[in-house]
Amino acid sequence: MPPAAELLEALDFAIWAYEDSLSTTSDTLRSDLEAKDYFLLAHRRTSKPGHVGYYMAFHPEKKTVLIGLKGTSTLEELLTDCCGRSVEYELRQEERVELTPAVDKVTVGNDESIEVEVGVLGISIEDSHMYVRCHEGILLSARRLADEVQPLIQYLSELCGYKILICGHSLGAGAGALLGMIFRARMPWLLKGDDLLQVYAFACPPVLDQATALACYPFITSIVNNSDIVPRAGLANVAVAMEFLKTIHVRLTELGLSLNGPRNATRFIQKLSQGTEGECILTLEEARVAMTQALETVEISDPDHLYVPGRVIMMYETWNNPETDQNRNDSTKMKESPPRNGNVESFVTDGMTEILRLFEVDEFRMFTDHLTSSYSSSIERLSKSEERKDSDA
């Protein structure tokens, strides 16, 4: 996993892409970049649906070209986010992405199955193309951006030996992930080393199907903060939530609280009026079983289901020690948020992990955890946790 200091720098690069929406000028961006020894090449502002704002800069000593992608801050960009249908995108044979050793067999596109030898990177198919599935609106933005910047990026990468670094938050993260995939498809020499192109995607929405999301593990690092709803804002999570609600409906019917008549509806309203003082209709264990069943029912490999791509660093705020939590019974645990101690830890996973397939309903944290300031705070606290571990060692 990259050190916290590296994540903080990449987050800065992503945040600076917002500067055009904060009534600042390119001079401000230029000075921020020069403080990191980067020099601004281009800065494009846009407010059209299906487009994404960005800037490009280069570091002559590190021989790195940086692309910072702007996230959602306008209604037009929100429209791009909302065009979330899973659509097919063709990669020709030279445009393929590698599969990680964790995958034995996957389905690419609609029907085509391919066998992958464990421990071997790369895939082999009979015909000259393969298909991946992507978020429609963000794919449109990424393809337009690729068409626009590829001539300069290709010159710097192929002829000058520059590495490519892409950083983005939210919409910018999703567009950056797809942009990285497209670059590796169009510029096959980037496949010769995982360090030739790297993407840091903060709060990335679900943008790729299961197989492709895993295949991007070597070059995309997605960072998710606590309960952030955006990395969970996909059809797959809605399907899991609907399956869980079926269990709730059955229990309400058993308790005479369904809305199929005035008497039951009155009981339901009376139950709601009890608020958090009332008894939960499911025990903690029953809720866990129902959620597990919902997760098992929804197919991960469904072609309409998209996921957060690449290697996922999941940051979470740690809870109090179990010994200090003994007085909280199951009913209390169901009604109240668990006590936190302010420390942040992390683990490395992928976009199909159970914690990302569930909506984390924690008051307004599912929204506030999406803010760049929340990501910055969590990474800073993660850095302190790393420092404590190093000192203890």
Foldseek 3Di string as FASTA:
>chain_A
DDALVVVLVLLVLQVLLCVVVVPDDVVVVQVVQVVVQKGWDDWDDDQAQLAWTWTWIARVVQLAIEIHIHADDDPSRVVLVVQFWKDKDKFWQLLDFWAALVDAWADFDDHDIFGDDRPDIDGDDDDGMTIWIWGVSLLSHLVVVCVVCVVVVCCSCVVVVGAYEYGHAHSSLQSSLSNQSRCCRVPVVCVVDLRSAAYEYELYAFTTADRQLNSCASHYEYEYEAQACRQLPWPLLVQLVVQLVVVVQVLLVVVLCDPPDPVNVVVVVVQVVCPLVHFDSDFPVRSVVSSVVSLVVRDSRPSRTGWRGHKYKYKHFDADDVVVVVVQDRSNPVRAPGHGDRAIEIDIDTRSDSVSSYRDPHPCCNPVCSDSVNVSSRSVRNNVVVVVVVVVD
